[in-house]
Amino acid sequence: MKVSFLHRTFLCLTFLLAVFPVLTFLMRSIITIVWCVFGILFYLKENKLNVKLNKEIWLVLIPYLMLIVSLFYSNNINNGVNTLVKILSFIVIPIPLFLNRNIINYKNLYRIFYLFSLSVIVLVIYQITVIFFNLDYLLQDLSPLEIKINGYTSVNEITQETISKIKLRRFRKFIVKISNTHTTYQGLWISFTIFMFCVSIFNRKKITEKVILIFLGLLLLGWLYLISSRMPLLALLVSGILTTIFFANFTKKQIISFVLVICAFSCITISFKNPISIRVKDYFNTGLQVLDKESKVHEFNSSNVRNGIYYCSIKLIQDNFIWGVGVGDIQEELNSCYSNELSSEIYKWRDYNTHNQYLFFFVSTGLVGFIMFLLFLFYIIRKSCYDRNFIYFYFIVSVCFMFLTESILERSDGIIFFSFFNSLLLFNISKRKYTYDHN
């Protein structure tokens, strides 16, 4: 069968888009626009302008449409439009993949998985290489500037535990700088890649291939620990356990043993000093503490900063329960709450969003938009179970966990990851069964 130029170009651009972890934001934007144009042109050519949309594509678009509706009762239209443009991939990516879902067959889908995984490995190896040549900077004693920024006058005032926290913060900032990607989103990509490697290990017959995949998986897992991405690691563990319980043909005894091994491994990990345990202890030490104007700089950490964000988000929900504040006003309303209710200096340093995707939709679109977003998530989880697609199930559950601590859909690194793979897996029409066993 002869493949047309539009068909071939759209497929090649889809493969190119799959390596977005190593692409700059500008390159992603250009490729996405060109890819979208070719995808729509190819569909229109093949179907003679006959466009049919089913309920699945409308369910995908509804959360974004609710945000558009909220723009009409927002006071700051410009902010709302900027937010909608920033997350435009929420609708730009699903439409071409829905229209051309017959092109992405089983083989092409796994080629996309391989290319994405390869790009994640390249990104990690690049960062490890850069770190190797900057060890002197990363391991050096605290500089006078670091001591001052963290609210101290002398290093003698700082405990060894606090020094470790500051050095970890230095390391994470360095990683963000050289990769132009926050460690949380890296962790999201890495956890998905590790899961896909585990699937491939089960499906490979050759020992050499299994060994290579195990080595790469351990490399990525080690990097995940090193950058101390707590939620991606937790999402990997919990989603992996749930996927195994629901889809693997294991006995109850095997499943219980598997869960116990994971729990034991997790307990051992946080029992000794490492980047993950440092951040986990921060969370437990902080509890539900909220920063106020009396809080000192050295008391700031990601947990108590988030507590303040959640406090203000919930307060806005209580005051604007049905329809929300509107997508255009959400950041202004949050900033006003930070200033009037909390008064801590850290909230003046930059704008803090809701750091929770569920709260984002509830604050901006109210109860109505929040319910529509939950219905969308419920449908795709149900779809993954109905189709017995454990890869899709793992993907959705892990992302839903990430939604608890991050507004994934408000940043390019998150929105493109979610929209691209969600659309690929939701609209995939391949009849091939997804199993842990090699066929």
Protein backbone atom coordinates (compact mmCIF):
# COMPACT_ATOMS: atom_id res chain seq x y z
CA MET A 1 0.00 0.00 0.00
CA LYS A 2 1.44 3.35 -1.05
CA VAL A 3 1.91 5.84 1.79
CA SER A 4 1.19 9.48 0.96
CA PHE A 5 3.52 12.37 1.72
CA LEU A 6 1.10 13.77 4.33
CA HIS A 7 0.79 10.37 6.00
CA ARG A 8 4.55 9.86 6.17
CA THR A 9 5.24 13.42 7.34
CA PHE A 10 2.62 13.30 10.10
CA LEU A 11 4.00 10.00 11.39
CA CYS A 12 7.61 11.26 11.33
CA LEU A 13 6.61 14.42 13.18
CA THR A 14 4.79 12.28 15.75
CA PHE A 15 8.02 10.35 16.35
CA LEU A 16 9.91 13.64 16.61
CA LEU A 17 7.41 15.01 19.12
CA ALA A 18 7.98 11.89 21.25
CA VAL A 19 11.50 13.08 22.12
CA PHE A 20 10.20 16.32 23.69
CA PRO A 21 12.24 15.83 26.91
CA VAL A 22 15.40 16.83 24.99
CA LEU A 23 13.75 19.58 22.92
CA THR A 24 13.73 23.24 23.86
CA PHE A 25 10.39 24.94 24.52
CA LEU A 26 10.67 26.78 21.19
CA MET A 27 11.36 23.57 19.26
CA ARG A 28 8.43 21.83 20.97
CA SER A 29 6.09 24.66 20.02
CA ILE A 30 7.21 24.74 16.38
CA ILE A 31 7.06 20.95 15.97
CA THR A 32 3.65 20.77 17.67
CA ILE A 33 2.16 23.44 15.37
CA VAL A 34 3.60 21.91 12.18
CA TRP A 35 2.59 18.40 13.32
CA CYS A 36 -0.94 19.57 14.08
CA VAL A 37 -1.31 21.23 10.66
CA PHE A 38 -0.08 18.13 8.81
CA GLY A 39 -2.33 15.89 10.91
CA ILE A 40 -5.45 17.91 10.12
CA LEU A 41 -4.56 18.30 6.42
CA PHE A 42 -3.98 14.55 6.07
CA TYR A 43 -7.30 13.74 7.73
CA LEU A 44 -9.22 16.23 5.58
CA LYS A 45 -7.60 14.90 2.41
CA GLU A 46 -8.46 11.30 3.25
CA ASN A 47 -11.99 12.00 4.51
CA LYS A 48 -13.04 14.83 2.15
CA LEU A 49 -13.85 17.35 4.88
CA ASN A 50 -16.10 14.86 6.68
CA VAL A 51 -15.21 15.42 10.35
CA LYS A 52 -16.88 13.22 12.98
CA LEU A 53 -16.28 13.75 16.69
CA ASN A 54 -17.32 11.14 19.25
CA LYS A 55 -17.89 11.44 23.00
CA GLU A 56 -14.26 10.61 23.87
CA ILE A 57 -12.79 13.67 22.17
CA TRP A 58 -15.45 15.90 23.76
CA LEU A 59 -14.65 14.49 27.20
CA VAL A 60 -11.00 15.34 26.64
CA LEU A 61 -11.85 18.88 25.56
CA ILE A 62 -14.43 19.66 28.29
CA PRO A 63 -11.95 20.69 31.07
CA TYR A 64 -10.35 23.21 28.71
CA LEU A 65 -13.77 24.43 27.53
CA MET A 66 -14.78 25.00 31.17
CA LEU A 67 -11.71 27.21 31.59
CA ILE A 68 -12.77 29.18 28.51
CA VAL A 69 -16.25 29.67 30.02
CA SER A 70 -14.69 30.93 33.27
CA LEU A 71 -12.86 33.58 31.25
CA PHE A 72 -16.17 35.39 30.70
CA TYR A 73 -16.58 36.17 34.40
CA SER A 74 -12.88 36.86 35.04
CA ASN A 75 -11.87 40.45 35.70
CA ASN A 76 -8.38 40.07 34.26
CA ILE A 77 -9.02 38.85 30.72
CA ASN A 78 -5.37 39.18 29.66
CA ASN A 79 -4.14 36.83 32.38
CA GLY A 80 -6.84 34.35 31.48
CA VAL A 81 -5.97 34.40 27.79
CA ASN A 82 -2.27 33.98 28.60
CA THR A 83 -3.06 30.95 30.77
CA LEU A 84 -5.24 29.40 28.07
CA VAL A 85 -2.54 29.94 25.45
CA LYS A 86 0.10 28.44 27.76
CA ILE A 87 -1.92 25.23 28.15
CA LEU A 88 -3.21 25.15 24.57
CA SER A 89 -1.58 21.73 24.11
CA PHE A 90 -4.50 20.38 26.16
CA ILE A 91 -6.61 20.57 22.97
CA VAL A 92 -4.02 21.00 20.21
CA ILE A 93 -2.45 17.56 20.75
CA PRO A 94 -5.57 15.37 21.20
CA ILE A 95 -7.36 16.52 18.03
CA PRO A 96 -4.78 15.32 15.42
CA LEU A 97 -4.28 12.04 17.30
CA PHE A 98 -8.03 11.47 17.46
CA LEU A 99 -8.54 12.24 13.77
CA ASN A 100 -5.65 9.99 12.72
CA ARG A 101 -5.99 7.27 15.34
CA ASN A 102 -5.85 4.55 12.66
CA ILE A 103 -2.24 5.54 11.85
CA ILE A 104 -0.89 4.91 15.36
CA ASN A 105 -1.00 1.12 15.32
CA TYR A 106 0.58 -1.16 17.92
CA LYS A 107 4.06 -1.03 16.36
CA ASN A 108 4.06 2.74 15.97
CA LEU A 109 2.84 3.16 19.54
CA TYR A 110 5.77 1.17 20.91
CA ARG A 111 8.19 3.01 18.66
CA ILE A 112 6.95 6.20 20.32
CA PHE A 113 7.50 4.65 23.77
CA TYR A 114 11.06 3.66 22.78
CA LEU A 115 11.90 7.12 21.41
CA PHE A 116 10.52 8.82 24.50
CA SER A 117 12.47 6.45 26.78
CA LEU A 118 15.64 7.04 24.77
CA SER A 119 15.24 10.81 25.09
CA VAL A 120 14.81 10.50 28.87
CA ILE A 121 17.98 8.38 29.11
CA VAL A 122 19.91 10.92 27.02
CA LEU A 123 18.68 13.75 29.27
CA VAL A 124 19.76 11.89 32.43
CA ILE A 125 23.18 10.91 31.05
CA TYR A 126 23.77 14.50 29.92
CA GLN A 127 23.04 15.79 33.43
CA ILE A 128 25.24 13.15 35.08
CA THR A 129 28.09 14.17 32.75
CA VAL A 130 27.69 17.86 33.56
CA ILE A 131 27.57 17.07 37.28
CA PHE A 132 30.79 15.08 37.03
CA PHE A 133 32.60 18.18 35.74
CA ASN A 134 31.06 20.41 38.43
CA LEU A 135 31.57 18.30 41.54
CA ASP A 136 33.82 20.92 43.12
CA TYR A 137 31.00 23.46 43.06
CA LEU A 138 28.28 21.04 44.17
CA LEU A 139 30.26 19.58 47.08
CA GLN A 140 31.95 22.75 48.32
CA ASP A 141 31.18 24.32 51.69
CA LEU A 142 28.35 26.81 51.97
CA SER A 143 29.20 30.16 50.44
CA PRO A 144 28.64 33.45 52.35
CA LEU A 145 25.77 34.21 49.97
CA GLU A 146 24.06 30.87 50.66
CA ILE A 147 24.43 31.43 54.41
CA LYS A 148 22.87 34.89 54.14
CA ILE A 149 20.05 33.83 51.79
CA ASN A 150 19.02 31.12 54.23
CA GLY A 151 18.70 33.59 57.09
CA TYR A 152 21.95 32.97 58.97
CA THR A 153 24.94 35.18 59.75
CA SER A 154 27.52 32.44 60.25
CA VAL A 155 27.97 28.79 59.30
CA ASN A 156 28.46 28.06 63.00
CA GLU A 157 24.76 28.70 63.56
CA ILE A 158 23.77 25.94 61.09
CA THR A 159 23.34 22.28 62.03
CA GLN A 160 24.74 19.52 59.83
CA GLU A 161 21.21 18.47 58.91
CA THR A 162 20.38 21.98 57.72
CA ILE A 163 23.64 22.16 55.77
CA SER A 164 22.63 18.95 53.98
CA LYS A 165 19.26 20.52 53.10
CA ILE A 166 20.90 23.64 51.71
CA LYS A 167 23.35 21.61 49.64
CA LEU A 168 20.49 19.49 48.31
CA ARG A 169 18.67 22.71 47.35
CA ARG A 170 21.85 23.88 45.60
CA PHE A 171 22.03 20.60 43.68
CA ARG A 172 18.38 20.73 42.61
CA LYS A 173 18.70 24.33 41.42
CA PHE A 174 21.77 23.33 39.42
CA ILE A 175 19.81 20.47 37.80
CA VAL A 176 16.96 22.79 36.85
CA LYS A 177 19.43 25.27 35.36
CA ILE A 178 21.31 22.79 33.14
CA SER A 179 18.20 20.90 32.01
CA ASN A 180 15.70 23.78 31.93
CA THR A 181 13.26 21.30 33.49
CA HIS A 182 12.01 21.11 37.08
CA THR A 183 13.00 17.93 38.91
CA THR A 184 9.34 17.04 39.50
CA TYR A 185 8.62 16.82 35.77
CA GLN A 186 11.83 14.93 35.17
CA GLY A 187 10.68 12.53 37.85
CA LEU A 188 7.33 12.13 36.10
CA TRP A 189 9.03 11.22 32.82
CA ILE A 190 11.54 8.94 34.53
CA SER A 191 8.94 7.02 36.52
CA PHE A 192 6.95 6.30 33.34
CA THR A 193 10.12 5.17 31.56
CA ILE A 194 11.06 2.85 34.44
CA PHE A 195 7.61 1.28 34.27
CA MET A 196 7.93 0.74 30.53
CA PHE A 197 11.34 -0.87 31.09
CA CYS A 198 9.77 -3.26 33.62
CA VAL A 199 7.14 -4.18 31.03
CA SER A 200 9.84 -4.77 28.40
CA ILE A 201 11.87 -6.94 30.78
CA PHE A 202 8.86 -9.26 31.15
CA ASN A 203 8.37 -9.39 27.38
CA ARG A 204 11.99 -9.95 26.31
CA LYS A 205 13.40 -13.41 25.72
CA LYS A 206 17.08 -12.56 25.28
CA ILE A 207 19.08 -12.35 28.50
CA THR A 208 21.33 -9.61 27.07
CA GLU A 209 18.35 -7.35 26.41
CA LYS A 210 16.97 -7.99 29.89
CA VAL A 211 20.33 -7.11 31.48
CA ILE A 212 20.57 -3.86 29.50
CA LEU A 213 17.04 -2.85 30.48
CA ILE A 214 17.67 -3.69 34.15
CA PHE A 215 20.87 -1.60 34.11
CA LEU A 216 19.09 1.39 32.50
CA GLY A 217 16.16 1.03 34.90
CA LEU A 218 18.49 1.07 37.91
CA LEU A 219 20.31 4.08 36.46
CA LEU A 220 17.04 6.00 36.16
CA LEU A 221 15.88 4.87 39.60
CA GLY A 222 19.18 6.03 41.10
CA TRP A 223 18.80 9.40 39.40
CA LEU A 224 15.24 9.66 40.70
CA TYR A 225 16.60 9.23 44.24
CA LEU A 226 19.43 11.66 43.63
CA ILE A 227 17.16 14.50 42.48
CA SER A 228 14.84 13.61 45.42
CA SER A 229 11.58 13.70 43.48
CA ARG A 230 9.30 12.41 46.22
CA MET A 231 5.94 12.38 44.47
CA PRO A 232 7.10 10.78 41.19
CA LEU A 233 8.78 8.04 43.22
CA LEU A 234 5.66 7.53 45.33
CA ALA A 235 3.51 7.53 42.19
CA LEU A 236 5.80 4.90 40.64
CA LEU A 237 5.52 2.65 43.70
CA VAL A 238 1.78 3.02 44.35
CA SER A 239 0.71 2.96 40.69
CA GLY A 240 3.02 0.02 40.01
CA ILE A 241 1.52 -1.92 42.92
CA LEU A 242 -2.06 -1.15 41.86
CA THR A 243 -1.33 -2.09 38.25
CA THR A 244 0.24 -5.37 39.35
CA ILE A 245 -2.70 -6.23 41.63
CA PHE A 246 -5.36 -5.48 39.01
CA PHE A 247 -3.69 -6.80 35.87
CA ALA A 248 -0.96 -9.35 36.65
CA ASN A 249 -1.88 -13.02 36.99
CA PHE A 250 -0.28 -13.37 40.42
CA THR A 251 -1.65 -15.27 43.38
CA LYS A 252 -2.69 -13.38 46.50
CA LYS A 253 0.39 -14.69 48.28
CA GLN A 254 2.68 -13.40 45.50
CA ILE A 255 0.98 -9.99 45.51
CA ILE A 256 1.28 -9.68 49.31
CA SER A 257 4.96 -10.65 49.12
CA PHE A 258 5.51 -8.09 46.35
CA VAL A 259 3.84 -5.31 48.37
CA LEU A 260 5.81 -6.22 51.51
CA VAL A 261 9.10 -6.11 49.60
CA ILE A 262 8.24 -2.65 48.23
CA CYS A 263 7.26 -1.40 51.69
CA ALA A 264 10.44 -2.80 53.25
CA PHE A 265 12.54 -1.21 50.51
CA SER A 266 10.82 2.15 51.10
CA CYS A 267 11.35 1.98 54.88
CA ILE A 268 15.03 1.12 54.46
CA THR A 269 15.44 4.00 52.02
CA ILE A 270 14.14 6.68 54.41
CA SER A 271 15.99 5.22 57.40
CA PHE A 272 19.43 6.44 56.30
CA LYS A 273 20.60 9.85 55.14
CA ASN A 274 19.97 10.46 51.43
CA PRO A 275 18.24 13.13 49.31
CA ILE A 276 14.84 11.41 49.54
CA SER A 277 14.94 10.87 53.33
CA ILE A 278 15.98 14.51 53.88
CA ARG A 279 12.89 15.77 52.06
CA VAL A 280 10.55 13.18 53.58
CA LYS A 281 11.67 14.14 57.11
CA ASP A 282 11.05 17.78 56.19
CA TYR A 283 7.44 16.90 55.47
CA PHE A 284 6.88 15.03 58.74
CA ASN A 285 8.66 17.70 60.80
CA THR A 286 6.57 20.44 59.21
CA GLY A 287 3.16 18.78 59.53
CA LEU A 288 0.34 21.25 58.85
CA GLN A 289 2.38 24.30 59.86
CA VAL A 290 1.61 27.40 57.82
CA LEU A 291 4.16 30.20 57.36
CA ASP A 292 3.27 33.69 58.55
CA LYS A 293 4.99 37.08 58.79
CA GLU A 294 6.90 35.96 61.89
CA SER A 295 8.46 32.97 60.10
CA LYS A 296 12.22 33.11 59.52
CA VAL A 297 13.87 32.39 56.18
CA HIS A 298 15.60 29.28 57.50
CA GLU A 299 12.19 27.85 58.45
CA PHE A 300 10.98 27.83 54.84
CA ASN A 301 10.67 24.47 53.07
CA SER A 302 8.55 23.06 50.26
CA SER A 303 6.08 21.48 52.69
CA ASN A 304 5.14 24.52 54.80
CA VAL A 305 5.10 26.75 51.71
CA ARG A 306 2.60 24.34 50.13
CA ASN A 307 0.52 24.33 53.31
CA GLY A 308 0.02 28.06 52.88
CA ILE A 309 -0.86 27.62 49.21
CA TYR A 310 -3.46 24.97 50.04
CA TYR A 311 -4.87 27.13 52.84
CA CYS A 312 -5.47 30.02 50.44
CA SER A 313 -6.79 27.73 47.68
CA ILE A 314 -9.36 26.20 50.02
CA LYS A 315 -10.36 29.65 51.30
CA LEU A 316 -10.99 30.81 47.72
CA ILE A 317 -13.06 27.70 47.05
CA GLN A 318 -15.21 28.40 50.12
CA ASP A 319 -15.83 31.97 48.95
CA ASN A 320 -16.47 31.04 45.28
CA PHE A 321 -17.86 27.53 45.56
CA ILE A 322 -20.13 27.11 42.52
CA TRP A 323 -18.36 28.92 39.66
CA GLY A 324 -14.88 29.74 41.00
CA VAL A 325 -12.96 32.98 40.55
CA GLY A 326 -12.31 32.51 36.83
CA VAL A 327 -9.14 31.43 35.08
CA GLY A 328 -8.07 35.05 34.62
CA ASP A 329 -8.20 35.95 38.31
CA ILE A 330 -6.91 32.81 40.02
CA GLN A 331 -3.32 33.98 40.48
CA GLU A 332 -4.31 37.49 41.58
CA GLU A 333 -6.73 36.06 44.15
CA LEU A 334 -4.08 33.67 45.46
CA ASN A 335 -1.52 36.48 45.73
CA SER A 336 -4.05 38.62 47.58
CA CYS A 337 -4.66 35.81 50.07
CA TYR A 338 -0.92 35.24 50.54
CA SER A 339 -0.49 38.93 51.28
CA ASN A 340 -3.50 39.44 53.55
CA GLU A 341 -3.80 36.08 55.30
CA LEU A 342 -0.21 34.82 55.53
CA SER A 343 2.08 37.85 55.06
CA SER A 344 5.17 35.64 54.82
CA GLU A 345 8.03 37.09 52.78
CA ILE A 346 8.46 33.97 50.65
CA TYR A 347 5.10 34.52 48.92
CA LYS A 348 6.37 37.87 47.65
CA TRP A 349 9.38 36.32 45.91
CA ARG A 350 7.33 34.91 43.01
CA ASP A 351 3.85 33.79 42.04
CA TYR A 352 2.82 30.45 43.52
CA ASN A 353 0.06 28.57 41.72
CA THR A 354 -2.22 26.05 43.47
CA HIS A 355 0.38 23.23 43.25
CA ASN A 356 -2.55 20.86 42.93
CA GLN A 357 -4.39 20.21 39.68
CA TYR A 358 -7.70 19.44 41.38
CA LEU A 359 -7.56 22.69 43.35
CA PHE A 360 -6.68 24.59 40.17
CA PHE A 361 -9.91 23.53 38.48
CA PHE A 362 -11.97 24.01 41.65
CA VAL A 363 -10.62 27.52 42.31
CA SER A 364 -10.84 28.67 38.69
CA THR A 365 -14.07 26.99 37.52
CA GLY A 366 -15.83 26.12 40.79
CA LEU A 367 -17.75 22.98 41.67
CA VAL A 368 -19.13 22.63 38.13
CA GLY A 369 -15.72 22.63 36.43
CA PHE A 370 -14.22 20.47 39.18
CA ILE A 371 -16.88 17.79 38.68
CA MET A 372 -16.36 17.86 34.91
CA PHE A 373 -12.61 17.36 35.42
CA LEU A 374 -13.24 14.43 37.78
CA LEU A 375 -15.68 12.87 35.30
CA PHE A 376 -13.01 13.13 32.60
CA LEU A 377 -10.48 11.35 34.83
CA PHE A 378 -13.03 8.74 35.91
CA TYR A 379 -13.89 7.97 32.30
CA ILE A 380 -10.31 7.42 31.16
CA ILE A 381 -9.50 5.26 34.20
CA ARG A 382 -12.63 3.21 33.48
CA LYS A 383 -11.63 3.02 29.81
CA SER A 384 -8.18 1.66 30.67
CA CYS A 385 -9.76 -1.04 32.86
CA TYR A 386 -12.40 -1.93 30.27
CA ASP A 387 -9.76 -2.30 27.53
CA ARG A 388 -7.45 -4.21 29.89
CA ASN A 389 -4.75 -1.71 28.95
CA PHE A 390 -2.45 -1.82 31.98
CA ILE A 391 -0.01 0.69 30.48
CA TYR A 392 -2.79 3.27 30.17
CA PHE A 393 -4.03 2.41 33.67
CA TYR A 394 -0.57 2.94 35.17
CA PHE A 395 -0.15 6.19 33.26
CA ILE A 396 -3.46 7.68 34.43
CA VAL A 397 -3.16 6.57 38.06
CA SER A 398 0.41 7.89 38.35
CA VAL A 399 -0.58 11.24 36.84
CA CYS A 400 -3.60 11.46 39.17
CA PHE A 401 -1.20 11.02 42.10
CA MET A 402 1.03 13.76 40.71
CA PHE A 403 -2.00 16.05 40.43
CA LEU A 404 -2.16 16.02 44.25
CA THR A 405 1.02 18.09 44.64
CA GLU A 406 1.56 19.78 41.28
CA SER A 407 -0.46 21.67 38.69
CA ILE A 408 0.95 19.43 35.97
CA LEU A 409 -1.22 20.91 33.22
CA GLU A 410 0.00 24.47 33.76
CA ARG A 411 3.56 23.91 32.49
CA SER A 412 4.86 22.80 29.10
CA ASP A 413 6.78 19.85 30.59
CA GLY A 414 3.61 18.50 32.15
CA ILE A 415 0.89 19.38 29.67
CA ILE A 416 2.69 17.95 26.65
CA PHE A 417 3.50 14.72 28.53
CA PHE A 418 -0.09 14.25 29.68
CA SER A 419 -1.85 15.29 26.46
CA PHE A 420 0.49 13.35 24.17
CA PHE A 421 0.43 9.99 25.96
CA ASN A 422 -3.16 10.26 27.16
CA SER A 423 -4.33 10.86 23.58
CA LEU A 424 -2.13 8.10 22.16
CA LEU A 425 -3.46 5.54 24.63
CA LEU A 426 -7.07 6.72 24.73
CA PHE A 427 -7.62 6.90 20.97
CA ASN A 428 -5.50 3.88 20.08
CA ILE A 429 -7.65 1.39 18.12
CA SER A 430 -5.15 -1.48 18.05
CA LYS A 431 -6.75 -4.82 18.87
CA ARG A 432 -3.48 -6.13 20.30
CA LYS A 433 -3.90 -7.14 23.95
CA TYR A 434 -1.65 -5.55 26.56
CA THR A 435 -0.24 -8.22 28.89
CA TYR A 436 2.74 -8.80 31.14
CA ASP A 437 3.44 -12.05 29.35
CA HIS A 438 5.50 -12.35 26.20
CA ASN A 439 3.50 -13.38 23.13
